[in-house]
Amino acid sequence: MSKPVVAIVGRPNVGKSTLFNRLAGKRKAIVEDTPGVTRDRLYDVSEWSGRAFIIIDTGGLRFESADSIAREVQLQAEIAIDEADVIIFVVDARQGITSEDEQVADMLRRSGKPVVLAANKVENFDRQLEWLDFYRLGLGDPIPISAIHGLNTNDLLDTVIACFPPWQEFEEDPDAVKIAIVGRPNVGKSSLVNALLGEQRVIVSDIPGTTRDSIDTPFEYGGNRYILIDTAGIRKKSRIKEATEKYSVIRALKSIERADVVLIMLDAVEKVTEQDQRIAGYVHEQNKANIVVVNKWDAIEKDEHTMNRYDQDIRQDLKFLAYAPILYVSALTRQRIFKIIELVDFVVEQYHRRITTAELNRVINEAILLNPLPGGSKRVKIFYTTQVATAPPTFVLFCSAPEEVHFSYLRYLENVLRQNFGFEGSPLRLLVRKKTSKSL
């Protein structure tokens, strides 16, 4: 089952972002050198009592303001509410009920979604009068919390979890490769699906696909079975395109987690946008095999250098996906669309590739000899390396002082692994552990 979505809403300065950060915890940015990808993040993944869920932070709602920024913030909140399974409505226990709180409450009642009322900034949990007045909002029991100190957030999360849809189990073909197609609205995701399924060489299964947050379509090609997970761009609810695009990533997240391989679709005309970076960053963060598919290639005037220039620009804008193959297609003319399936097969094989311990250590030891660890072997020594998992390929390096192994050196070793073993389209995980007697 895909992760439930929890939206945090309320008027300005009630502590929504503080609560968001508290629930999300501290997460290391994947693309920290790319402006706007992690610094501007509005959503994250959290977990409580064994249930993982997506959380969305929204801007403060100001109904009386007429400026364009306030209107866009309100639209973004409405989209988040529409996508949410549960809504956390944050109010300020110090200030008490305001007219804006009442307007937000009216909006939430009309949504028909489960609402959990969080009375934030409570300093003394024995003084119930600080939050009892919020019963007047008609949204059930207010839960007193202090987001900045993390007080009583466990009760809040217990209540949120209780509102989640029940677990559902789906039977899926274990041998079918699940392909998620993600990207901004209007990059051609649905057109690509239609082009793939409309070709005579593809046999579309007569078993009905299961509709979840996206449409699953089983099909066969070249004797192999696949499931296409189509994540059509978020439905438009307004003329403000930017606001709707900010939340297209929510649906993409739900499909990414279920996929074996993810097609990250770009528009050849618009190239890489900030929203493309966000979505691609999440694919990388979820450690999924992936391919960058550049659609609408037919709309580009070309010379013999055009594709190389595009390659360079995409690599620059998506530095963290340097390992991902890039394929240029046209869903409209069907140019190279079946190269996608061939590339999917190749990338999935790389994603599940396993290297013998002997071969792995030969390559790593040669890499260390060519480029020794900073400080020399007296400070830190890598004794041996082993692969502990596939999908994604995961390696553990046992050494004398794990804390001394800098991330830049791990990046060097990752590049060495790719040069020797490929792993195209597959993220790699390199973990450093201290060698103990049990490790021998």
Protein backbone atom coordinates (compact mmCIF):
# COMPACT_ATOMS: atom_id res chain seq x y z
CA MET A 1 0.00 0.00 0.00
CA SER A 2 1.26 3.50 -0.75
CA LYS A 3 2.08 5.81 2.12
CA PRO A 4 -0.76 7.94 3.54
CA VAL A 5 -0.42 11.71 3.20
CA VAL A 6 -0.62 14.07 6.20
CA ALA A 7 -1.01 17.81 5.53
CA ILE A 8 -0.11 20.37 8.21
CA VAL A 9 -2.22 23.53 7.87
CA GLY A 10 -3.08 26.66 9.85
CA ARG A 11 -2.70 30.42 9.88
CA PRO A 12 0.78 32.05 9.97
CA ASN A 13 3.09 31.77 12.99
CA VAL A 14 1.34 28.93 14.80
CA GLY A 15 4.34 26.58 14.48
CA LYS A 16 3.48 24.49 11.41
CA SER A 17 7.04 24.36 10.10
CA THR A 18 8.40 23.62 13.57
CA LEU A 19 6.02 20.68 13.84
CA PHE A 20 6.93 19.58 10.30
CA ASN A 21 10.64 19.56 11.20
CA ARG A 22 9.89 17.72 14.43
CA LEU A 23 7.97 14.98 12.63
CA ALA A 24 10.42 14.76 9.72
CA GLY A 25 13.51 14.67 11.94
CA LYS A 26 16.90 15.73 10.66
CA ARG A 27 17.51 14.43 7.16
CA LYS A 28 20.68 14.90 5.16
CA ALA A 29 20.02 16.74 1.89
CA ILE A 30 20.72 14.58 -1.15
CA VAL A 31 21.26 17.47 -3.55
CA GLU A 32 22.49 20.10 -1.15
CA ASP A 33 24.49 21.94 -3.81
CA THR A 34 21.44 22.35 -6.07
CA PRO A 35 19.45 25.49 -5.18
CA GLY A 36 15.79 25.00 -4.42
CA VAL A 37 15.82 21.21 -4.16
CA THR A 38 16.31 20.60 -0.44
CA ARG A 39 16.25 24.11 1.03
CA ASP A 40 12.74 24.73 -0.29
CA ARG A 41 11.33 21.29 0.51
CA LEU A 42 7.67 21.25 1.51
CA TYR A 43 7.25 17.52 2.02
CA ASP A 44 9.08 14.62 3.61
CA VAL A 45 8.59 11.06 4.78
CA SER A 46 8.11 10.14 8.45
CA GLU A 47 7.22 7.01 10.42
CA TRP A 48 5.37 6.25 13.63
CA SER A 49 4.29 2.93 15.15
CA GLY A 50 5.42 1.06 12.06
CA ARG A 51 3.40 3.22 9.65
CA ALA A 52 5.33 5.35 7.17
CA PHE A 53 3.62 8.44 5.81
CA ILE A 54 4.25 11.54 3.72
CA ILE A 55 4.01 14.89 5.52
CA ILE A 56 3.35 18.21 3.80
CA ASP A 57 4.14 21.63 5.25
CA THR A 58 1.92 24.43 3.93
CA GLY A 59 2.21 28.19 4.09
CA GLY A 60 0.21 30.21 6.61
CA LEU A 61 -3.38 30.87 5.52
CA ARG A 62 -4.46 34.53 5.48
CA PHE A 63 -7.99 34.89 4.21
CA GLU A 64 -8.27 38.66 4.56
CA SER A 65 -5.17 39.45 2.51
CA ALA A 66 -5.72 40.37 -1.13
CA ASP A 67 -2.12 40.10 -2.35
CA SER A 68 -1.15 37.48 -4.91
CA ILE A 69 1.27 35.67 -2.60
CA ALA A 70 -1.44 35.05 0.00
CA ARG A 71 -3.78 33.75 -2.72
CA GLU A 72 -1.13 31.35 -3.98
CA VAL A 73 -0.39 30.12 -0.45
CA GLN A 74 -4.09 29.43 0.04
CA LEU A 75 -4.24 27.54 -3.25
CA GLN A 76 -1.24 25.44 -2.27
CA ALA A 77 -2.92 24.58 1.04
CA GLU A 78 -6.12 23.61 -0.76
CA ILE A 79 -4.16 21.27 -3.04
CA ALA A 80 -2.40 19.73 -0.05
CA ILE A 81 -5.75 19.23 1.71
CA ASP A 82 -7.17 17.62 -1.42
CA GLU A 83 -4.24 15.18 -1.60
CA ALA A 84 -4.18 14.41 2.15
CA ASP A 85 -5.57 11.38 3.94
CA VAL A 86 -5.35 13.19 7.30
CA ILE A 87 -5.00 16.89 8.14
CA ILE A 88 -3.22 18.32 11.19
CA PHE A 89 -4.75 21.72 11.97
CA VAL A 90 -2.26 23.69 14.09
CA VAL A 91 -3.50 26.50 16.34
CA ASP A 92 -1.71 28.73 18.86
CA ALA A 93 -2.69 27.87 22.45
CA ARG A 94 -1.10 31.07 23.76
CA GLN A 95 -3.12 33.36 21.53
CA GLY A 96 -6.40 31.45 21.57
CA ILE A 97 -8.99 31.26 18.78
CA THR A 98 -8.82 33.91 16.07
CA SER A 99 -11.15 34.67 13.18
CA GLU A 100 -8.59 33.13 10.81
CA ASP A 101 -8.64 29.91 12.85
CA GLU A 102 -12.41 29.81 12.41
CA GLN A 103 -12.07 30.33 8.66
CA VAL A 104 -9.51 27.52 8.40
CA ALA A 105 -11.82 25.27 10.43
CA ASP A 106 -14.68 26.00 8.01
CA MET A 107 -12.46 25.07 5.08
CA LEU A 108 -11.42 21.81 6.72
CA ARG A 109 -14.97 20.81 7.60
CA ARG A 110 -15.96 21.25 3.96
CA SER A 111 -13.07 19.01 2.87
CA GLY A 112 -14.64 15.97 4.53
CA LYS A 113 -11.16 14.75 5.52
CA PRO A 114 -10.19 13.54 9.02
CA VAL A 115 -8.82 16.51 10.98
CA VAL A 116 -6.56 16.30 14.04
CA LEU A 117 -6.51 19.57 16.01
CA ALA A 118 -3.08 20.38 17.48
CA ALA A 119 -2.98 23.16 20.09
CA ASN A 120 0.66 24.22 19.86
CA LYS A 121 2.88 26.31 22.16
CA VAL A 122 1.49 24.83 25.37
CA GLU A 123 3.85 25.61 28.24
CA ASN A 124 1.99 24.05 31.17
CA PHE A 125 0.14 20.85 30.39
CA ASP A 126 -1.70 21.03 33.74
CA ARG A 127 -3.49 24.23 32.69
CA GLN A 128 -6.20 22.81 30.42
CA LEU A 129 -7.84 26.20 29.98
CA GLU A 130 -5.03 27.04 27.54
CA TRP A 131 -6.53 24.73 24.94
CA LEU A 132 -10.06 23.75 25.96
CA ASP A 133 -11.51 26.82 24.22
CA PHE A 134 -10.58 25.25 20.86
CA TYR A 135 -13.49 22.83 21.24
CA ARG A 136 -15.54 25.71 19.84
CA LEU A 137 -14.02 25.04 16.41
CA GLY A 138 -16.10 21.87 16.20
CA LEU A 139 -13.21 19.64 15.13
CA GLY A 140 -13.07 17.30 18.09
CA ASP A 141 -10.60 17.08 20.95
CA PRO A 142 -7.71 19.56 20.76
CA ILE A 143 -4.39 17.83 21.49
CA PRO A 144 -1.97 20.03 23.45
CA ILE A 145 1.61 19.96 22.16
CA SER A 146 4.84 21.89 22.17
CA ALA A 147 6.36 21.35 18.73
CA ILE A 148 9.57 23.20 19.55
CA HIS A 149 10.27 20.91 22.52
CA GLY A 150 8.63 17.78 21.06
CA LEU A 151 6.22 17.49 24.00
CA ASN A 152 3.12 15.32 23.56
CA THR A 153 3.77 14.83 19.85
CA ASN A 154 3.51 11.08 20.51
CA ASP A 155 -0.17 11.48 21.45
CA LEU A 156 -0.65 13.62 18.36
CA LEU A 157 0.89 10.96 16.12
CA ASP A 158 -1.11 8.18 17.74
CA THR A 159 -4.28 10.09 16.85
CA VAL A 160 -3.06 10.75 13.30
CA ILE A 161 -2.17 7.08 12.75
CA ALA A 162 -5.62 6.02 13.98
CA CYS A 163 -7.16 8.08 11.15
CA PHE A 164 -5.16 6.38 8.40
CA PRO A 165 -6.91 4.14 5.89
CA PRO A 166 -6.60 0.46 6.87
CA TRP A 167 -3.77 -1.63 5.49
CA GLN A 168 -4.60 -3.18 2.16
CA GLU A 169 -2.77 -6.02 0.53
CA PHE A 170 -2.62 -6.35 -3.25
CA GLU A 171 -1.62 -9.39 -5.22
CA GLU A 172 0.98 -8.47 -7.80
CA ASP A 173 2.83 -10.63 -10.27
CA PRO A 174 6.18 -11.20 -8.51
CA ASP A 175 7.95 -11.70 -11.84
CA ALA A 176 6.63 -8.53 -13.44
CA VAL A 177 8.92 -5.49 -13.52
CA LYS A 178 7.08 -2.48 -12.07
CA ILE A 179 7.85 0.71 -14.01
CA ALA A 180 6.78 4.06 -12.53
CA ILE A 181 6.60 7.05 -14.84
CA VAL A 182 7.04 10.30 -12.93
CA GLY A 183 7.45 13.94 -13.83
CA ARG A 184 5.80 17.32 -13.92
CA PRO A 185 2.34 17.76 -15.44
CA ASN A 186 2.32 17.99 -19.23
CA VAL A 187 5.71 16.40 -19.90
CA GLY A 188 3.95 13.55 -21.73
CA LYS A 189 3.65 10.74 -19.17
CA SER A 190 0.22 9.59 -20.25
CA SER A 191 1.13 10.01 -23.92
CA LEU A 192 4.09 7.72 -23.41
CA VAL A 193 1.92 5.11 -21.69
CA ASN A 194 -0.59 5.26 -24.53
CA ALA A 195 2.18 4.99 -27.12
CA LEU A 196 3.71 1.96 -25.40
CA LEU A 197 0.42 0.16 -24.93
CA GLY A 198 -0.95 1.06 -28.36
CA GLU A 199 1.85 -0.60 -30.31
CA GLN A 200 1.00 -4.00 -31.78
CA ARG A 201 4.20 -5.56 -30.48
CA VAL A 202 2.94 -5.04 -26.91
CA ILE A 203 0.37 -7.43 -25.47
CA VAL A 204 -1.78 -5.67 -22.87
CA SER A 205 -2.99 -8.06 -20.19
CA ASP A 206 -6.73 -8.58 -19.90
CA ILE A 207 -6.33 -8.71 -16.11
CA PRO A 208 -7.72 -5.39 -14.89
CA GLY A 209 -5.15 -3.11 -13.33
CA THR A 210 -5.61 -2.14 -9.72
CA THR A 211 -6.44 1.51 -9.25
CA ARG A 212 -4.67 2.98 -6.24
CA ASP A 213 -3.29 6.50 -6.37
CA SER A 214 -2.26 5.76 -9.93
CA ILE A 215 -3.26 3.34 -12.69
CA ASP A 216 -1.45 -0.01 -12.97
CA THR A 217 -1.42 -1.63 -16.40
CA PRO A 218 0.11 -5.11 -16.80
CA PHE A 219 1.56 -5.88 -20.24
CA GLU A 220 4.02 -8.17 -21.98
CA TYR A 221 6.84 -7.33 -24.35
CA GLY A 222 9.52 -9.61 -25.75
CA GLY A 223 8.29 -12.47 -23.59
CA ASN A 224 8.72 -10.51 -20.36
CA ARG A 225 5.99 -9.16 -18.05
CA TYR A 226 5.77 -5.58 -16.84
CA ILE A 227 3.44 -3.33 -14.88
CA LEU A 228 3.24 0.32 -15.91
CA ILE A 229 2.44 2.67 -13.04
CA ASP A 230 1.07 5.81 -14.67
CA THR A 231 1.27 8.88 -12.45
CA ALA A 232 -0.62 11.46 -14.46
CA GLY A 233 0.17 15.03 -13.43
CA ILE A 234 -1.88 16.31 -10.54
CA ARG A 235 -5.29 17.41 -11.75
CA LYS A 236 -5.51 21.12 -12.30
CA LYS A 237 -7.70 23.08 -9.93
CA SER A 238 -6.57 26.58 -10.79
CA ARG A 239 -5.02 28.78 -13.42
CA ILE A 240 -1.90 29.08 -11.24
CA LYS A 241 0.29 26.41 -12.78
CA GLU A 242 3.20 26.83 -10.36
CA ALA A 243 1.12 25.96 -7.32
CA THR A 244 -0.22 22.73 -8.79
CA GLU A 245 3.23 21.65 -9.91
CA LYS A 246 4.63 21.98 -6.41
CA TYR A 247 2.40 19.14 -5.34
CA SER A 248 2.78 16.83 -8.32
CA VAL A 249 5.66 15.29 -6.40
CA ILE A 250 3.22 13.95 -3.79
CA ARG A 251 1.68 11.54 -6.25
CA ALA A 252 5.08 10.74 -7.69
CA LEU A 253 6.27 9.70 -4.23
CA LYS A 254 3.42 7.23 -3.87
CA SER A 255 4.41 5.48 -7.08
CA ILE A 256 8.18 5.65 -6.65
CA GLU A 257 8.09 3.52 -3.51
CA ARG A 258 6.35 0.65 -5.33
CA ALA A 259 8.48 0.65 -8.46
CA ASP A 260 11.43 -1.51 -9.50
CA VAL A 261 12.59 1.16 -11.92
CA VAL A 262 11.51 4.78 -12.33
CA LEU A 263 11.32 6.74 -15.58
CA ILE A 264 11.99 10.39 -14.81
CA MET A 265 10.37 12.28 -17.68
CA LEU A 266 11.62 15.67 -18.83
CA ASP A 267 10.29 18.04 -21.48
CA ALA A 268 12.91 18.58 -24.19
CA VAL A 269 11.54 22.06 -24.87
CA GLU A 270 11.70 23.24 -21.24
CA LYS A 271 14.72 21.13 -20.20
CA VAL A 272 15.29 20.69 -16.43
CA THR A 273 13.13 22.80 -14.14
CA GLU A 274 13.26 23.20 -10.37
CA GLN A 275 10.31 20.82 -10.04
CA ASP A 276 12.14 18.22 -12.16
CA GLN A 277 15.04 18.49 -9.72
CA ARG A 278 12.70 17.91 -6.78
CA ILE A 279 11.14 14.81 -8.27
CA ALA A 280 14.48 13.40 -9.44
CA GLY A 281 15.93 14.07 -5.99
CA TYR A 282 13.23 11.95 -4.39
CA VAL A 283 13.81 9.09 -6.83
CA HIS A 284 17.49 9.13 -5.89
CA GLU A 285 16.67 9.44 -2.20
CA GLN A 286 14.42 6.38 -2.37
CA ASN A 287 17.34 4.39 -3.86
CA LYS A 288 15.37 3.35 -6.93
CA ALA A 289 16.82 2.32 -10.27
CA ASN A 290 16.05 5.06 -12.76
CA ILE A 291 16.28 6.33 -16.32
CA VAL A 292 16.01 9.94 -17.48
CA VAL A 293 13.59 10.03 -20.41
CA VAL A 294 13.56 13.27 -22.42
CA ASN A 295 10.25 13.50 -24.27
CA LYS A 296 9.15 15.77 -27.17
CA TRP A 297 12.48 15.27 -28.94
CA ASP A 298 10.64 15.74 -32.23
CA ALA A 299 9.98 19.39 -31.29
CA ILE A 300 13.68 20.29 -31.11
CA GLU A 301 15.71 21.64 -34.02
CA LYS A 302 18.86 19.57 -34.11
CA ASP A 303 22.34 19.38 -35.49
CA GLU A 304 25.06 16.81 -34.89
CA HIS A 305 25.90 18.35 -31.49
CA THR A 306 22.39 18.85 -30.06
CA MET A 307 22.19 15.60 -28.09
CA ASN A 308 25.64 16.11 -26.59
CA ARG A 309 24.69 19.62 -25.46
CA TYR A 310 21.51 18.28 -23.88
CA ASP A 311 23.49 15.54 -22.13
CA GLN A 312 25.85 18.12 -20.64
CA ASP A 313 23.02 20.40 -19.49
CA ILE A 314 21.08 17.55 -17.88
CA ARG A 315 24.17 16.20 -16.13
CA GLN A 316 24.86 19.68 -14.79
CA ASP A 317 21.31 20.19 -13.49
CA LEU A 318 20.92 16.64 -12.14
CA LYS A 319 24.42 16.05 -10.79
CA PHE A 320 23.20 13.51 -8.27
CA LEU A 321 21.92 11.30 -11.13
CA ALA A 322 25.23 11.04 -12.94
CA TYR A 323 24.74 7.25 -13.04
CA ALA A 324 21.34 7.39 -14.80
CA PRO A 325 21.11 6.67 -18.56
CA ILE A 326 19.51 9.41 -20.66
CA LEU A 327 17.17 8.50 -23.51
CA TYR A 328 15.61 10.92 -26.01
CA VAL A 329 12.16 9.94 -27.26
CA SER A 330 8.96 11.26 -28.77
CA ALA A 331 5.71 9.81 -27.46
CA LEU A 332 3.95 11.60 -30.33
CA THR A 333 5.95 10.00 -33.16
CA ARG A 334 6.95 6.90 -31.12
CA GLN A 335 10.59 7.61 -31.81
CA ARG A 336 12.76 5.28 -29.71
CA ILE A 337 9.96 4.49 -27.24
CA PHE A 338 10.72 0.76 -27.27
CA LYS A 339 14.34 1.49 -26.45
CA ILE A 340 12.86 2.35 -23.05
CA ILE A 341 11.81 -1.25 -22.38
CA GLU A 342 15.19 -2.56 -23.49
CA LEU A 343 16.91 -0.07 -21.20
CA VAL A 344 14.58 -0.95 -18.33
CA ASP A 345 15.63 -4.61 -18.61
CA PHE A 346 19.29 -3.61 -18.56
CA VAL A 347 18.93 -1.23 -15.61
CA VAL A 348 16.94 -3.75 -13.55
CA GLU A 349 19.70 -6.31 -14.13
CA GLN A 350 22.27 -3.75 -12.92
CA TYR A 351 20.09 -2.93 -9.90
CA HIS A 352 20.13 -6.60 -8.84
CA ARG A 353 23.76 -7.26 -9.72
CA ARG A 354 25.90 -9.01 -7.11
CA ILE A 355 29.72 -8.95 -7.04
CA THR A 356 31.75 -11.72 -5.43
CA THR A 357 33.65 -10.75 -2.30
CA ALA A 358 36.99 -11.72 -3.83
CA GLU A 359 36.48 -9.61 -6.95
CA LEU A 360 35.12 -6.72 -4.91
CA ASN A 361 38.11 -6.64 -2.57
CA ARG A 362 40.56 -6.85 -5.45
CA VAL A 363 39.07 -3.71 -6.99
CA ILE A 364 38.77 -1.81 -3.69
CA ASN A 365 42.32 -2.68 -2.62
CA GLU A 366 43.70 -1.48 -5.97
CA ALA A 367 41.71 1.75 -5.58
CA ILE A 368 43.17 2.32 -2.10
CA LEU A 369 46.71 1.74 -3.39
CA LEU A 370 46.19 4.24 -6.21
CA ASN A 371 44.55 6.81 -3.93
CA PRO A 372 45.30 6.15 -0.23
CA LEU A 373 42.98 7.36 2.46
CA PRO A 374 43.86 10.87 3.70
CA GLY A 375 46.11 10.66 6.73
CA GLY A 376 47.57 7.31 5.70
CA SER A 377 46.96 3.84 7.04
CA LYS A 378 48.08 4.82 10.56
CA ARG A 379 44.88 6.83 11.05
CA VAL A 380 42.40 4.56 9.31
CA LYS A 381 42.61 1.30 7.42
CA ILE A 382 39.94 -0.46 5.35
CA PHE A 383 40.33 -4.19 6.01
CA TYR A 384 37.78 -5.67 3.61
CA THR A 385 34.53 -4.99 1.78
CA THR A 386 31.48 -7.13 1.16
CA GLN A 387 28.21 -6.71 -0.69
CA VAL A 388 25.29 -7.24 1.69
CA ALA A 389 22.29 -6.49 -0.53
CA THR A 390 21.01 -5.73 -3.99
CA ALA A 391 18.22 -3.41 -5.19
CA PRO A 392 20.08 -1.17 -4.58
CA PRO A 393 23.55 -2.72 -4.48
CA THR A 394 24.77 -2.13 -0.93
CA PHE A 395 28.36 -2.53 0.25
CA VAL A 396 29.84 -2.52 3.74
CA LEU A 397 33.45 -1.45 4.27
CA PHE A 398 34.94 -2.74 7.52
CA CYS A 399 37.65 -0.44 8.79
CA SER A 400 39.56 0.66 11.87
CA ALA A 401 37.98 4.11 12.28
CA PRO A 402 34.70 4.63 10.38
CA GLU A 403 34.39 8.23 11.53
CA GLU A 404 37.63 9.10 9.70
CA VAL A 405 36.37 7.99 6.28
CA HIS A 406 35.21 11.18 4.57
CA PHE A 407 32.16 11.13 2.27
CA SER A 408 34.35 12.40 -0.59
CA TYR A 409 36.47 9.24 -0.33
CA LEU A 410 33.35 7.09 -0.40
CA ARG A 411 32.32 8.96 -3.54
CA TYR A 412 35.71 8.09 -5.04
CA LEU A 413 35.18 4.40 -4.20
CA GLU A 414 31.68 4.53 -5.67
CA ASN A 415 33.13 5.86 -8.93
CA VAL A 416 35.67 3.03 -8.89
CA LEU A 417 32.89 0.47 -8.46
CA ARG A 418 30.98 1.95 -11.37
CA GLN A 419 34.04 2.01 -13.60
CA ASN A 420 34.69 -1.67 -12.92
CA PHE A 421 31.20 -3.15 -12.62
CA GLY A 422 28.83 -0.75 -14.34
CA PHE A 423 25.71 -0.38 -12.19
CA GLU A 424 24.20 1.96 -14.80
CA GLY A 425 20.92 3.41 -13.65
CA SER A 426 21.36 2.07 -10.14
CA PRO A 427 22.16 4.06 -7.00
CA LEU A 428 24.81 2.54 -4.76
CA ARG A 429 24.97 2.48 -0.97
CA LEU A 430 28.38 2.40 0.71
CA LEU A 431 28.29 1.85 4.48
CA VAL A 432 31.28 2.06 6.79
CA ARG A 433 31.46 -0.17 9.86
CA LYS A 434 34.10 -0.72 12.52
CA LYS A 435 35.84 -4.08 12.30
CA THR A 436 35.24 -6.20 15.38
CA SER A 437 35.99 -9.78 16.29
CA LYS A 438 32.46 -10.67 15.15
CA SER A 439 33.25 -9.17 11.74
CA LEU A 440 36.02 -11.66 11.10
